[in-house]
Amino acid sequence: GTAAGGASLRKDLRRRRRRLAEEAGPVAYHVVQSESEIAPAVAALLALKLSWLDGKGLHARFLAGEETQRWLTDACARA
């Protein structure tokens, strides 16, 4: 049911937080609550992802493009 799905999601998030902390050190989480916070959050997330990819010798030029940031910001605002 719904409660089991919620518990499973929380467990998955705890596992992901723990794994991220092991790989990247201390992490902080923030819930974006206003539309004005979306663009800076998307920019920060893209920067983290690009840094992670670079550390693994991988590249994703499409993630670095301004159009990707605009698209993700718009998608988040509509969600």
PDB file of N, CA and C in Angstrom:
ATOM      1  N   GLY A   1       0.799  -1.181   0.000  1.00  0.00           N
ATOM      2  CA  GLY A   1       0.000   0.000   0.000  1.00  0.00           C
ATOM      3  C   GLY A   1       0.846   1.251   0.000  1.00  0.00           C
ATOM      4  N   THR A   2       0.191   2.347   0.248  1.00  0.00           N
ATOM      5  CA  THR A   2       0.836   3.653   0.228  1.00  0.00           C
ATOM      6  C   THR A   2       1.847   3.795   1.362  1.00  0.00           C
ATOM      7  N   ALA A   3       1.518   3.318   2.553  1.00  0.00           N
ATOM      8  CA  ALA A   3       2.437   3.423   3.692  1.00  0.00           C
ATOM      9  C   ALA A   3       3.709   2.634   3.431  1.00  0.00           C
ATOM     10  N   ALA A   4       3.574   1.447   2.847  1.00  0.00           N
ATOM     11  CA  ALA A   4       4.757   0.635   2.543  1.00  0.00           C
ATOM     12  C   ALA A   4       5.627   1.327   1.501  1.00  0.00           C
ATOM     13  N   GLY A   5       4.996   1.932   0.505  1.00  0.00           N
ATOM     14  CA  GLY A   5       5.736   2.661  -0.519  1.00  0.00           C
ATOM     15  C   GLY A   5       6.479   3.843   0.070  1.00  0.00           C
ATOM     16  N   GLY A   6       5.851   4.566   0.995  1.00  0.00           N
ATOM     17  CA  GLY A   6       6.492   5.704   1.666  1.00  0.00           C
ATOM     18  C   GLY A   6       7.673   5.257   2.516  1.00  0.00           C
ATOM     19  N   ALA A   7       7.499   4.150   3.224  1.00  0.00           N
ATOM     20  CA  ALA A   7       8.590   3.623   4.055  1.00  0.00           C
ATOM     21  C   ALA A   7       9.755   3.188   3.188  1.00  0.00           C
ATOM     22  N   SER A   8       9.443   2.577   2.054  1.00  0.00           N
ATOM     23  CA  SER A   8      10.487   2.135   1.127  1.00  0.00           C
ATOM     24  C   SER A   8      11.252   3.330   0.559  1.00  0.00           C
ATOM     25  N   LEU A   9      10.524   4.388   0.216  1.00  0.00           N
ATOM     26  CA  LEU A   9      11.162   5.597  -0.309  1.00  0.00           C
ATOM     27  C   LEU A   9      12.073   6.220   0.746  1.00  0.00           C
ATOM     28  N   ARG A  10      11.604   6.316   1.989  1.00  0.00           N
ATOM     29  CA  ARG A  10      12.429   6.887   3.060  1.00  0.00           C
ATOM     30  C   ARG A  10      13.688   6.057   3.284  1.00  0.00           C
ATOM     31  N   LYS A  11      13.556   4.738   3.259  1.00  0.00           N
ATOM     32  CA  LYS A  11      14.719   3.866   3.427  1.00  0.00           C
ATOM     33  C   LYS A  11      15.711   4.074   2.289  1.00  0.00           C
ATOM     34  N   ASP A  12      15.210   4.191   1.057  1.00  0.00           N
ATOM     35  CA  ASP A  12      16.068   4.421  -0.096  1.00  0.00           C
ATOM     36  C   ASP A  12      16.789   5.764   0.027  1.00  0.00           C
ATOM     37  N   LEU A  13      16.079   6.805   0.468  1.00  0.00           N
ATOM     38  CA  LEU A  13      16.707   8.112   0.636  1.00  0.00           C
ATOM     39  C   LEU A  13      17.791   8.074   1.713  1.00  0.00           C
ATOM     40  N   ARG A  14      17.541   7.374   2.823  1.00  0.00           N
ATOM     41  CA  ARG A  14      18.562   7.247   3.874  1.00  0.00           C
ATOM     42  C   ARG A  14      19.800   6.535   3.353  1.00  0.00           C
ATOM     43  N   ARG A  15      19.587   5.476   2.567  1.00  0.00           N
ATOM     44  CA  ARG A  15      20.717   4.744   1.995  1.00  0.00           C
ATOM     45  C   ARG A  15      21.512   5.631   1.037  1.00  0.00           C
ATOM     46  N   ARG A  16      20.811   6.385   0.208  1.00  0.00           N
ATOM     47  CA  ARG A  16      21.491   7.287  -0.732  1.00  0.00           C
ATOM     48  C   ARG A  16      22.253   8.386   0.003  1.00  0.00           C
ATOM     49  N   ARG A  17      21.674   8.942   1.055  1.00  0.00           N
ATOM     50  CA  ARG A  17      22.369   9.969   1.852  1.00  0.00           C
ATOM     51  C   ARG A  17      23.642   9.403   2.456  1.00  0.00           C
ATOM     52  N   ARG A  18      23.565   8.208   3.002  1.00  0.00           N
ATOM     53  CA  ARG A  18      24.725   7.571   3.625  1.00  0.00           C
ATOM     54  C   ARG A  18      25.817   7.337   2.586  1.00  0.00           C
ATOM     55  N   ARG A  19      25.436   6.834   1.427  1.00  0.00           N
ATOM     56  CA  ARG A  19      26.406   6.568   0.365  1.00  0.00           C
ATOM     57  C   ARG A  19      27.034   7.875  -0.139  1.00  0.00           C
ATOM     58  N   LEU A  20      26.237   8.907  -0.288  1.00  0.00           N
ATOM     59  CA  LEU A  20      26.748  10.200  -0.727  1.00  0.00           C
ATOM     60  C   LEU A  20      27.724  10.768   0.296  1.00  0.00           C
ATOM     61  N   ALA A  21      27.394  10.659   1.565  1.00  0.00           N
ATOM     62  CA  ALA A  21      28.289  11.154   2.613  1.00  0.00           C
ATOM     63  C   ALA A  21      29.614  10.400   2.602  1.00  0.00           C
ATOM     64  N   GLU A  22      29.574   9.105   2.315  1.00  0.00           N
ATOM     65  CA  GLU A  22      30.810   8.317   2.235  1.00  0.00           C
ATOM     66  C   GLU A  22      31.681   8.777   1.074  1.00  0.00           C
ATOM     67  N   GLU A  23      31.061   9.121  -0.042  1.00  0.00           N
ATOM     68  CA  GLU A  23      31.806   9.519  -1.230  1.00  0.00           C
ATOM     69  C   GLU A  23      32.223  10.980  -1.213  1.00  0.00           C
ATOM     70  N   ALA A  24      31.362  11.853  -0.715  1.00  0.00           N
ATOM     71  CA  ALA A  24      31.596  13.291  -0.855  1.00  0.00           C
ATOM     72  C   ALA A  24      31.851  14.016   0.461  1.00  0.00           C
ATOM     73  N   GLY A  25      31.697  13.351   1.576  1.00  0.00           N
ATOM     74  CA  GLY A  25      31.833  14.033   2.862  1.00  0.00           C
ATOM     75  C   GLY A  25      30.479  14.525   3.329  1.00  0.00           C
ATOM     76  N   PRO A  26      30.480  15.386   4.324  1.00  0.00           N
ATOM     77  CA  PRO A  26      29.210  15.875   4.882  1.00  0.00           C
ATOM     78  C   PRO A  26      28.336  16.531   3.809  1.00  0.00           C
ATOM     79  N   VAL A  27      27.063  16.267   3.881  1.00  0.00           N
ATOM     80  CA  VAL A  27      26.118  16.821   2.921  1.00  0.00           C
ATOM     81  C   VAL A  27      24.988  17.517   3.665  1.00  0.00           C
ATOM     82  N   ALA A  28      24.369  18.476   3.000  1.00  0.00           N
ATOM     83  CA  ALA A  28      23.216  19.178   3.566  1.00  0.00           C
ATOM     84  C   ALA A  28      22.078  19.074   2.563  1.00  0.00           C
ATOM     85  N   TYR A  29      20.874  18.978   3.055  1.00  0.00           N
ATOM     86  CA  TYR A  29      19.699  18.883   2.209  1.00  0.00           C
ATOM     87  C   TYR A  29      18.805  20.078   2.467  1.00  0.00           C
ATOM     88  N   HIS A  30      18.194  20.556   1.411  1.00  0.00           N
ATOM     89  CA  HIS A  30      17.302  21.703   1.517  1.00  0.00           C
ATOM     90  C   HIS A  30      16.130  21.473   0.572  1.00  0.00           C
ATOM     91  N   VAL A  31      14.947  21.658   1.057  1.00  0.00           N
ATOM     92  CA  VAL A  31      13.758  21.528   0.218  1.00  0.00           C
ATOM     93  C   VAL A  31      13.487  22.886  -0.419  1.00  0.00           C
ATOM     94  N   VAL A  32      13.446  22.902  -1.734  1.00  0.00           N
ATOM     95  CA  VAL A  32      13.154  24.130  -2.470  1.00  0.00           C
ATOM     96  C   VAL A  32      11.659  24.391  -2.326  1.00  0.00           C
ATOM     97  N   GLN A  33      11.335  25.552  -1.757  1.00  0.00           N
ATOM     98  CA  GLN A  33       9.934  25.825  -1.471  1.00  0.00           C
ATOM     99  C   GLN A  33       9.352  26.988  -2.252  1.00  0.00           C
ATOM    100  N   SER A  34      10.206  27.743  -2.949  1.00  0.00           N
ATOM    101  CA  SER A  34       9.674  28.847  -3.740  1.00  0.00           C
ATOM    102  C   SER A  34      10.274  28.798  -5.139  1.00  0.00           C
ATOM    103  N   GLU A  35       9.543  29.356  -6.077  1.00  0.00           N
ATOM    104  CA  GLU A  35       9.990  29.319  -7.466  1.00  0.00           C
ATOM    105  C   GLU A  35      11.322  30.046  -7.650  1.00  0.00           C
ATOM    106  N   SER A  36      11.582  31.068  -6.840  1.00  0.00           N
ATOM    107  CA  SER A  36      12.834  31.819  -6.971  1.00  0.00           C
ATOM    108  C   SER A  36      14.054  30.989  -6.567  1.00  0.00           C
ATOM    109  N   GLU A  37      13.846  29.915  -5.839  1.00  0.00           N
ATOM    110  CA  GLU A  37      14.955  29.054  -5.407  1.00  0.00           C
ATOM    111  C   GLU A  37      15.315  27.988  -6.449  1.00  0.00           C
ATOM    112  N   ILE A  38      14.458  27.795  -7.441  1.00  0.00           N
ATOM    113  CA  ILE A  38      14.654  26.695  -8.381  1.00  0.00           C
ATOM    114  C   ILE A  38      15.919  26.868  -9.219  1.00  0.00           C
ATOM    115  N   ALA A  39      16.084  28.014  -9.871  1.00  0.00           N
ATOM    116  CA  ALA A  39      17.237  28.212 -10.766  1.00  0.00           C
ATOM    117  C   ALA A  39      18.575  28.042 -10.032  1.00  0.00           C
ATOM    118  N   PRO A  40      18.770  28.646  -8.845  1.00  0.00           N
ATOM    119  CA  PRO A  40      20.039  28.427  -8.140  1.00  0.00           C
ATOM    120  C   PRO A  40      20.247  26.966  -7.722  1.00  0.00           C
ATOM    121  N   ALA A  41      19.157  26.278  -7.360  1.00  0.00           N
ATOM    122  CA  ALA A  41      19.275  24.871  -6.967  1.00  0.00           C
ATOM    123  C   ALA A  41      19.657  24.008  -8.160  1.00  0.00           C
ATOM    124  N   VAL A  42      19.046  24.266  -9.305  1.00  0.00           N
ATOM    125  CA  VAL A  42      19.375  23.517 -10.518  1.00  0.00           C
ATOM    126  C   VAL A  42      20.827  23.763 -10.898  1.00  0.00           C
ATOM    127  N   ALA A  43      21.275  25.011 -10.831  1.00  0.00           N
ATOM    128  CA  ALA A  43      22.666  25.338 -11.165  1.00  0.00           C
ATOM    129  C   ALA A  43      23.629  24.607 -10.236  1.00  0.00           C
ATOM    130  N   ALA A  44      23.322  24.576  -8.940  1.00  0.00           N
ATOM    131  CA  ALA A  44      24.185  23.886  -7.970  1.00  0.00           C
ATOM    132  C   ALA A  44      24.209  22.385  -8.236  1.00  0.00           C
ATOM    133  N   LEU A  45      23.066  21.811  -8.524  1.00  0.00           N
ATOM    134  CA  LEU A  45      23.005  20.373  -8.797  1.00  0.00           C
ATOM    135  C   LEU A  45      23.763  20.002 -10.069  1.00  0.00           C
ATOM    136  N   LEU A  46      23.615  20.816 -11.102  1.00  0.00           N
ATOM    137  CA  LEU A  46      24.356  20.556 -12.337  1.00  0.00           C
ATOM    138  C   LEU A  46      25.859  20.669 -12.104  1.00  0.00           C
ATOM    139  N   ALA A  47      26.277  21.661 -11.320  1.00  0.00           N
ATOM    140  CA  ALA A  47      27.708  21.822 -11.014  1.00  0.00           C
ATOM    141  C   ALA A  47      28.239  20.595 -10.277  1.00  0.00           C
ATOM    142  N   LEU A  48      27.465  20.089  -9.322  1.00  0.00           N
ATOM    143  CA  LEU A  48      27.880  18.887  -8.588  1.00  0.00           C
ATOM    144  C   LEU A  48      27.977  17.684  -9.513  1.00  0.00           C
ATOM    145  N   LYS A  49      26.991  17.518 -10.380  1.00  0.00           N
ATOM    146  CA  LYS A  49      26.993  16.383 -11.298  1.00  0.00           C
ATOM    147  C   LYS A  49      28.165  16.472 -12.268  1.00  0.00           C
ATOM    148  N   LEU A  50      28.425  17.661 -12.799  1.00  0.00           N
ATOM    149  CA  LEU A  50      29.541  17.831 -13.727  1.00  0.00           C
ATOM    150  C   LEU A  50      30.875  17.559 -13.036  1.00  0.00           C
ATOM    151  N   SER A  51      30.999  17.988 -11.792  1.00  0.00           N
ATOM    152  CA  SER A  51      32.215  17.723 -11.018  1.00  0.00           C
ATOM    153  C   SER A  51      32.377  16.224 -10.789  1.00  0.00           C
ATOM    154  N   TRP A  52      31.293  15.539 -10.454  1.00  0.00           N
ATOM    155  CA  TRP A  52      31.325  14.096 -10.230  1.00  0.00           C
ATOM    156  C   TRP A  52      31.738  13.369 -11.504  1.00  0.00           C
ATOM    157  N   LEU A  53      31.130  13.772 -12.626  1.00  0.00           N
ATOM    158  CA  LEU A  53      31.481  13.156 -13.910  1.00  0.00           C
ATOM    159  C   LEU A  53      32.949  13.381 -14.245  1.00  0.00           C
ATOM    160  N   ASP A  54      33.429  14.612 -14.048  1.00  0.00           N
ATOM    161  CA  ASP A  54      34.818  14.937 -14.328  1.00  0.00           C
ATOM    162  C   ASP A  54      35.763  14.094 -13.474  1.00  0.00           C
ATOM    163  N   GLY A  55      35.409  13.878 -12.218  1.00  0.00           N
ATOM    164  CA  GLY A  55      36.217  13.056 -11.323  1.00  0.00           C
ATOM    165  C   GLY A  55      36.311  11.608 -11.767  1.00  0.00           C
ATOM    166  N   LYS A  56      35.355  11.167 -12.539  1.00  0.00           N
ATOM    167  CA  LYS A  56      35.350   9.797 -13.048  1.00  0.00           C
ATOM    168  C   LYS A  56      35.860   9.730 -14.487  1.00  0.00           C
ATOM    169  N   GLY A  57      36.354  10.876 -14.991  1.00  0.00           N
ATOM    170  CA  GLY A  57      36.869  10.908 -16.354  1.00  0.00           C
ATOM    171  C   GLY A  57      35.775  10.891 -17.407  1.00  0.00           C
ATOM    172  N   LEU A  58      34.568  11.262 -17.011  1.00  0.00           N
ATOM    173  CA  LEU A  58      33.436  11.276 -17.934  1.00  0.00           C
ATOM    174  C   LEU A  58      33.034  12.722 -18.218  1.00  0.00           C
ATOM    175  N   HIS A  59      32.402  12.933 -19.335  1.00  0.00           N
ATOM    176  CA  HIS A  59      31.989  14.292 -19.696  1.00  0.00           C
ATOM    177  C   HIS A  59      30.596  14.257 -20.294  1.00  0.00           C
ATOM    178  N   ALA A  60      29.853  15.296 -20.029  1.00  0.00           N
ATOM    179  CA  ALA A  60      28.506  15.416 -20.589  1.00  0.00           C
ATOM    180  C   ALA A  60      28.300  16.888 -20.944  1.00  0.00           C
ATOM    181  N   ARG A  61      28.763  17.265 -22.109  1.00  0.00           N
ATOM    182  CA  ARG A  61      28.685  18.671 -22.527  1.00  0.00           C
ATOM    183  C   ARG A  61      27.262  19.201 -22.512  1.00  0.00           C
ATOM    184  N   PHE A  62      26.293  18.351 -22.822  1.00  0.00           N
ATOM    185  CA  PHE A  62      24.907  18.836 -22.846  1.00  0.00           C
ATOM    186  C   PHE A  62      24.449  19.289 -21.467  1.00  0.00           C
ATOM    187  N   LEU A  63      24.995  18.707 -20.390  1.00  0.00           N
ATOM    188  CA  LEU A  63      24.636  19.148 -19.039  1.00  0.00           C
ATOM    189  C   LEU A  63      25.175  20.534 -18.733  1.00  0.00           C
ATOM    190  N   ALA A  64      26.300  20.889 -19.343  1.00  0.00           N
ATOM    191  CA  ALA A  64      26.939  22.175 -19.065  1.00  0.00           C
ATOM    192  C   ALA A  64      26.279  23.322 -19.820  1.00  0.00           C
ATOM    193  N   GLY A  65      25.451  23.019 -20.799  1.00  0.00           N
ATOM    194  CA  GLY A  65      24.845  24.067 -21.609  1.00  0.00           C
ATOM    195  C   GLY A  65      23.762  24.839 -20.876  1.00  0.00           C
ATOM    196  N   GLU A  66      23.670  26.134 -21.193  1.00  0.00           N
ATOM    197  CA  GLU A  66      22.645  26.987 -20.573  1.00  0.00           C
ATOM    198  C   GLU A  66      21.236  26.488 -20.885  1.00  0.00           C
ATOM    199  N   GLU A  67      21.054  25.921 -22.076  1.00  0.00           N
ATOM    200  CA  GLU A  67      19.723  25.446 -22.439  1.00  0.00           C
ATOM    201  C   GLU A  67      19.275  24.291 -21.544  1.00  0.00           C
ATOM    202  N   THR A  68      20.219  23.467 -21.097  1.00  0.00           N
ATOM    203  CA  THR A  68      19.874  22.378 -20.181  1.00  0.00           C
ATOM    204  C   THR A  68      19.417  22.941 -18.851  1.00  0.00           C
ATOM    205  N   GLN A  69      20.135  23.936 -18.344  1.00  0.00           N
ATOM    206  CA  GLN A  69      19.752  24.553 -17.074  1.00  0.00           C
ATOM    207  C   GLN A  69      18.377  25.211 -17.197  1.00  0.00           C
ATOM    208  N   ARG A  70      18.123  25.910 -18.288  1.00  0.00           N
ATOM    209  CA  ARG A  70      16.811  26.546 -18.488  1.00  0.00           C
ATOM    210  C   ARG A  70      15.704  25.489 -18.558  1.00  0.00           C
ATOM    211  N   TRP A  71      15.956  24.398 -19.284  1.00  0.00           N
ATOM    212  CA  TRP A  71      14.949  23.351 -19.433  1.00  0.00           C
ATOM    213  C   TRP A  71      14.638  22.708 -18.076  1.00  0.00           C
ATOM    214  N   LEU A  72      15.675  22.364 -17.314  1.00  0.00           N
ATOM    215  CA  LEU A  72      15.468  21.747 -16.009  1.00  0.00           C
ATOM    216  C   LEU A  72      14.747  22.703 -15.041  1.00  0.00           C
ATOM    217  N   THR A  73      15.124  23.970 -15.079  1.00  0.00           N
ATOM    218  CA  THR A  73      14.472  24.962 -14.223  1.00  0.00           C
ATOM    219  C   THR A  73      12.997  25.067 -14.574  1.00  0.00           C
ATOM    220  N   ASP A  74      12.683  25.106 -15.857  1.00  0.00           N
ATOM    221  CA  ASP A  74      11.299  25.179 -16.303  1.00  0.00           C
ATOM    222  C   ASP A  74      10.531  23.918 -15.910  1.00  0.00           C
ATOM    223  N   ALA A  75      11.154  22.756 -16.102  1.00  0.00           N
ATOM    224  CA  ALA A  75      10.493  21.492 -15.735  1.00  0.00           C
ATOM    225  C   ALA A  75      10.197  21.441 -14.241  1.00  0.00           C
ATOM    226  N   CYS A  76      11.140  21.885 -13.426  1.00  0.00           N
ATOM    227  CA  CYS A  76      10.935  21.893 -11.970  1.00  0.00           C
ATOM    228  C   CYS A  76       9.824  22.876 -11.583  1.00  0.00           C
ATOM    229  N   ALA A  77       9.798  24.031 -12.233  1.00  0.00           N
ATOM    230  CA  ALA A  77       8.779  25.023 -11.919  1.00  0.00           C
ATOM    231  C   ALA A  77       7.380  24.493 -12.274  1.00  0.00           C
ATOM    232  N   ARG A  78       7.290  23.753 -13.383  1.00  0.00           N
ATOM    233  CA  ARG A  78       5.990  23.200 -13.777  1.00  0.00           C
ATOM    234  C   ARG A  78       5.571  22.041 -12.878  1.00  0.00           C
ATOM    235  N   ALA A  79       6.536  21.339 -12.314  1.00  0.00           N
ATOM    236  CA  ALA A  79       6.217  20.196 -11.456  1.00  0.00           C
ATOM    237  C   ALA A  79       5.676  20.699 -10.144  1.00  0.00           C
TER     238      ALA A  79
END
